[in-house]
């Protein structure tokens, strides 16, 4: 194999150079992306700021003329000279209502020199300022002193914010006469709610700050009436006296300027835990500032992506060089690996063939072991069945000797005939045990169900009798045949029937309370399969075991009475035979095992039904 030898000092120098290249590439990518993105963001912000500034200036200038218009209305000046005239008050309020309906302002009203509202366009409506003393409002004082006033604040009676424009109303002066004193103030209230709604459709956040740095308009309701910095005590006293912000607590925002950009004057700041680019501009008609905020999180993410891209680009060159050097080594290794892989494949294929044969042998041994274990459980009953005929044969043989001594040959012949019948009985019994214990590996063949069920009953006859089990069989049609190995099929049935007897014997109810012990075997054709059901009247299968019933070593029997392999082996036999084995609990109590096998063609059904095996009993086992 070809190895590239590099000295440790050289490798360290290469590594340091590579890291420096990666760091430089990442830094360059981040800076380029940040500066480019910030320039684009500022350009967009300037355009958006121009748009909102022009719109707000136009909205405020739209009603600049309206208060002074009332100076040309004689009724208004008459009301200011006679504020107690109720009829004149109603006429002026109606006139204000008509003018305001045409102009589209939020409210229009006239204030006397003492600051009391004498007439209003919304007189008679909830929230009307008619009759209120507004002398504490700055726009009233400014108009009386300087002819005009401007003010933003929350309405005293309505609770709604607005922009107030005021104009001092006075009679026209005579020729070369000094200016007369104002008789009162005309005021128009402009609602800026529609302007705020239009701002919310734009990207980013928009704020309007008054001369105290308090947010009076904005796209975020939770930022309104909050200053950027804590207000001085004198300002707090003044705003409390004029009720500029209603009852707002004036809690300062978390506004922290991090950097001021030299070219555009934009500022990078943190507001309420998030980073923004702030671009601002003064309005022409008010001392307000408009601020456009753009969230920097997308730009930061883009800069990080570009840094990562730069780092990857910095890694690419060393990696390409390293890849070229390694390719020569890899090509040599690939050739050696292909040879080794082929050798391993050939060895593995041989092992697979060997292990497959071993597994098949182990599988047959396991099935046979399960059969022999079940055969051992039946041995006690079989011994009893063998002892009875043997004892009878011994007695008949002894009697035959005595009868021969007395010359009663006719009776001796009868005894010998009885002994022959007992021998036939013993032969039938041992033949069934031999067949059941046989390690069968024959291919599937047509098998009649009735003889197989009868043989399984015969092998379990003593257990059925001693347990008091009523056994019944219902096979329809009687000559029903399946494709299976007869010995393995018989093993499954014996195992299911023996388990059913064990379950019924495990019930703890007294005999007068417990239901009768019944074991039913039914078989029907179901499409292309035969459906064989084995039902018992036992306690049923526990829910925690039912889902794992056919797994190895799963059993509900006490320790020492079963390994939990019988049902696993039975399910395996069913699958190998092309069928299935399932279990369920019966609604009326007890368990039901459903054993399906492929149906065989009906040829030979009559011959199978006349088999010389013992017939199946459908009464109480005896």
Foldseek 3Di string as FASTA:
>chain_A
DDDDDDDPVRVVVVVVVLVVLLQVLLVVQLVVLLVVVVVVVVVVQVVVQVVLLVVVLCLVVLCQCPFVVCLPPVLLVVCLVPLVPVVSQVVVLCVQLVVCVVSVAPWKFWAFLQQATRHIVQPPDQLDSHGPRQPLAPQFVCCQVPQWGWAWAQRPRPRHTWIKIKGFHDHDDDVVDPGDGGSTMIMTTHDCPVSLVVQLVDPFKKFKAAPQQATCGIVDPVRHRAHQDDGDPVVVVSCVSNNRYPPDPNHHWPWAWDDADDPQRWTWIATPRFIWTWDWDAHDPHRMIMIGTHGCVVSSVSSSVSSVVSSVVSNVVVVVVVCVVCVVVVVVVVVVVVVVVVVVVVVVVVVVVVVVVVVVVVLLVLLLVLLVVLLVVLVVVVVVVLVVLVVLLVVLVVVLVVCVVVPNVVSNVVSVVSNVVSVVVNVLSVVLVCLLSDSDDDFWDKAFPFLLLQSLCVSCLVLLQVLFEWEAEAEVPNLWIFTADSNLVSLLNNLVVVVQSVQAVPDPDPPVPQDHWYWYWYWDDDPQKIKIKIWTQGQADDPVCQVVLLPWQRDPDDPPPDRSHSSVSSQVRLVVQVWGWHKDADPVHTIMIIGMGGTDDSPCSVVNSPDPHDGHDRGRRD
